Amino acid sequence: MIDDDLSGHIHAGFWPFMKRALTLFLPLWVFLLCYSLELNNIISAAAAGASLSLIVYYEQRKLKQINT
């Protein structure tokens, strides 16, 4: 019988798209949020750079879950 359950395929394609979107836009959003709070530009840039580590950490945790 033909497998017509596409929910697995949709979800499998959703995270790579979101990861790329977050990698591009999360640092910008964090920088703009810090800038609107009138923080120093250096502090705003450091916070924006640190936001990328959250995405990397989440991705590593997700890969460990899949492999175990």
N, C-alpha and C. Protein backbone atom coordinates (compact mmCIF):
# COMPACT_ATOMS: atom_id res chain seq x y z
N MET A 1 0.84 -1.19 0.00
CA MET A 1 0.00 0.00 0.00
C MET A 1 0.89 1.25 0.00
N ILE A 2 0.43 2.30 -0.60
CA ILE A 2 1.18 3.54 -0.70
C ILE A 2 1.07 4.30 0.61
N ASP A 3 2.20 4.78 1.09
CA ASP A 3 2.24 5.54 2.33
C ASP A 3 1.90 7.00 2.03
N ASP A 4 0.69 7.42 2.46
CA ASP A 4 0.24 8.77 2.19
C ASP A 4 0.39 9.71 3.38
N ASP A 5 1.06 9.26 4.43
CA ASP A 5 1.23 10.10 5.61
C ASP A 5 2.39 11.07 5.37
N LEU A 6 2.07 12.31 5.07
CA LEU A 6 3.09 13.30 4.75
C LEU A 6 3.52 14.12 5.96
N SER A 7 2.94 13.86 7.13
CA SER A 7 3.27 14.67 8.29
C SER A 7 4.74 14.55 8.67
N GLY A 8 5.33 13.37 8.53
CA GLY A 8 6.75 13.20 8.82
C GLY A 8 7.62 13.99 7.88
N HIS A 9 7.25 14.05 6.63
CA HIS A 9 8.04 14.78 5.65
C HIS A 9 7.95 16.29 5.87
N ILE A 10 6.78 16.76 6.26
CA ILE A 10 6.61 18.20 6.49
C ILE A 10 7.42 18.62 7.70
N HIS A 11 7.36 17.83 8.78
CA HIS A 11 8.10 18.18 9.99
C HIS A 11 9.60 18.07 9.76
N ALA A 12 10.01 17.10 9.00
CA ALA A 12 11.45 16.92 8.74
C ALA A 12 12.00 18.11 7.95
N GLY A 13 11.19 18.72 7.13
CA GLY A 13 11.64 19.86 6.35
C GLY A 13 11.47 21.19 7.06
N PHE A 14 10.73 21.19 8.17
CA PHE A 14 10.45 22.44 8.87
C PHE A 14 11.65 22.92 9.67
N TRP A 15 12.31 22.04 10.41
CA TRP A 15 13.41 22.48 11.27
C TRP A 15 14.60 23.03 10.48
N PRO A 16 15.03 22.40 9.39
CA PRO A 16 16.16 23.01 8.64
C PRO A 16 15.82 24.43 8.14
N PHE A 17 14.59 24.64 7.73
CA PHE A 17 14.18 25.98 7.31
C PHE A 17 14.21 26.95 8.48
N MET A 18 13.65 26.55 9.62
CA MET A 18 13.61 27.42 10.79
C MET A 18 15.03 27.69 11.32
N LYS A 19 15.89 26.69 11.26
CA LYS A 19 17.26 26.88 11.73
C LYS A 19 17.96 27.95 10.91
N ARG A 20 17.76 27.91 9.61
CA ARG A 20 18.38 28.93 8.76
C ARG A 20 17.78 30.31 9.02
N ALA A 21 16.47 30.36 9.19
CA ALA A 21 15.81 31.65 9.46
C ALA A 21 16.26 32.21 10.80
N LEU A 22 16.35 31.36 11.83
CA LEU A 22 16.80 31.82 13.14
C LEU A 22 18.26 32.25 13.10
N THR A 23 19.07 31.49 12.39
CA THR A 23 20.49 31.83 12.30
C THR A 23 20.67 33.20 11.64
N LEU A 24 19.82 33.51 10.70
CA LEU A 24 19.92 34.81 10.03
C LEU A 24 19.32 35.94 10.85
N PHE A 25 18.14 35.73 11.42
CA PHE A 25 17.39 36.85 11.98
C PHE A 25 17.46 36.99 13.50
N LEU A 26 17.75 35.93 14.25
CA LEU A 26 17.79 36.05 15.70
C LEU A 26 18.85 37.05 16.17
N PRO A 27 20.07 37.02 15.65
CA PRO A 27 21.03 38.04 16.09
C PRO A 27 20.58 39.47 15.76
N LEU A 28 19.94 39.63 14.63
CA LEU A 28 19.43 40.96 14.27
C LEU A 28 18.37 41.41 15.25
N TRP A 29 17.44 40.50 15.59
CA TRP A 29 16.38 40.85 16.55
C TRP A 29 16.95 41.17 17.92
N VAL A 30 17.94 40.39 18.35
CA VAL A 30 18.55 40.64 19.65
C VAL A 30 19.28 41.98 19.63
N PHE A 31 20.00 42.25 18.56
CA PHE A 31 20.70 43.54 18.46
C PHE A 31 19.72 44.70 18.49
N LEU A 32 18.64 44.59 17.73
CA LEU A 32 17.66 45.68 17.71
C LEU A 32 16.96 45.85 19.05
N LEU A 33 16.71 44.75 19.75
CA LEU A 33 16.10 44.83 21.08
C LEU A 33 17.05 45.54 22.05
N CYS A 34 18.31 45.15 22.04
CA CYS A 34 19.29 45.81 22.92
C CYS A 34 19.48 47.27 22.54
N TYR A 35 19.47 47.55 21.24
CA TYR A 35 19.62 48.93 20.77
C TYR A 35 18.43 49.79 21.20
N SER A 36 17.24 49.20 21.16
CA SER A 36 16.06 49.96 21.58
C SER A 36 16.03 50.18 23.09
N LEU A 37 16.73 49.32 23.84
CA LEU A 37 16.88 49.53 25.27
C LEU A 37 17.99 50.52 25.59
N GLU A 38 18.57 51.10 24.55
CA GLU A 38 19.63 52.11 24.63
C GLU A 38 20.87 51.59 25.34
N LEU A 39 21.20 50.32 25.06
CA LEU A 39 22.46 49.76 25.56
C LEU A 39 23.58 50.19 24.62
N ASN A 40 24.80 50.08 25.09
CA ASN A 40 25.96 50.40 24.27
C ASN A 40 25.98 49.48 23.04
N ASN A 41 26.48 49.97 21.92
CA ASN A 41 26.53 49.18 20.69
C ASN A 41 27.39 47.92 20.85
N ILE A 42 28.46 48.02 21.61
CA ILE A 42 29.33 46.85 21.80
C ILE A 42 28.59 45.78 22.59
N ILE A 43 27.87 46.18 23.61
CA ILE A 43 27.10 45.22 24.41
C ILE A 43 25.98 44.61 23.56
N SER A 44 25.35 45.44 22.74
CA SER A 44 24.30 44.93 21.85
C SER A 44 24.86 43.91 20.86
N ALA A 45 26.02 44.19 20.31
CA ALA A 45 26.64 43.26 19.36
C ALA A 45 27.07 41.97 20.04
N ALA A 46 27.57 42.06 21.27
CA ALA A 46 27.97 40.86 22.01
C ALA A 46 26.76 40.00 22.33
N ALA A 47 25.67 40.62 22.70
CA ALA A 47 24.45 39.86 22.99
C ALA A 47 23.90 39.20 21.73
N ALA A 48 24.00 39.90 20.61
CA ALA A 48 23.54 39.32 19.35
C ALA A 48 24.41 38.12 18.95
N GLY A 49 25.71 38.21 19.15
CA GLY A 49 26.60 37.10 18.85
C GLY A 49 26.36 35.91 19.78
N ALA A 50 26.06 36.20 21.04
CA ALA A 50 25.79 35.13 22.00
C ALA A 50 24.49 34.40 21.69
N SER A 51 23.57 35.07 21.02
CA SER A 51 22.30 34.42 20.70
C SER A 51 22.49 33.26 19.72
N LEU A 52 23.54 33.32 18.93
CA LEU A 52 23.82 32.21 18.01
C LEU A 52 24.20 30.94 18.74
N SER A 53 24.83 31.08 19.89
CA SER A 53 25.22 29.89 20.64
C SER A 53 24.01 29.11 21.13
N LEU A 54 22.90 29.80 21.36
CA LEU A 54 21.67 29.10 21.76
C LEU A 54 21.16 28.20 20.64
N ILE A 55 21.25 28.65 19.42
CA ILE A 55 20.81 27.84 18.28
C ILE A 55 21.72 26.63 18.11
N VAL A 56 23.02 26.85 18.24
CA VAL A 56 23.97 25.75 18.10
C VAL A 56 23.78 24.72 19.21
N TYR A 57 23.57 25.19 20.44
CA TYR A 57 23.35 24.28 21.57
C TYR A 57 22.08 23.45 21.35
N TYR A 58 21.01 24.10 20.93
CA TYR A 58 19.76 23.38 20.69
C TYR A 58 19.93 22.34 19.58
N GLU A 59 20.65 22.69 18.54
CA GLU A 59 20.87 21.77 17.43
C GLU A 59 21.70 20.56 17.89
N GLN A 60 22.73 20.78 18.68
CA GLN A 60 23.53 19.67 19.18
C GLN A 60 22.71 18.76 20.08
N ARG A 61 21.88 19.34 20.93
CA ARG A 61 21.02 18.53 21.80
C ARG A 61 20.03 17.71 21.00
N LYS A 62 19.49 18.30 19.95
CA LYS A 62 18.54 17.60 19.11
C LYS A 62 19.22 16.44 18.36
N LEU A 63 20.45 16.65 17.90
CA LEU A 63 21.18 15.60 17.22
C LEU A 63 21.52 14.44 18.17
N LYS A 64 21.84 14.77 19.42
CA LYS A 64 22.11 13.71 20.40
C LYS A 64 20.86 12.88 20.67
N GLN A 65 19.69 13.54 20.70
CA GLN A 65 18.43 12.81 20.91
C GLN A 65 18.16 11.86 19.75
N ILE A 66 18.43 12.31 18.56
CA ILE A 66 18.17 11.47 17.38
C ILE A 66 19.12 10.28 17.36
N ASN A 67 20.38 10.48 17.73
CA ASN A 67 21.38 9.42 17.65
C ASN A 67 21.31 8.42 18.79
N THR A 68 20.62 8.75 19.89
CA THR A 68 20.53 7.80 21.00
C THR A 68 19.23 7.05 21.00
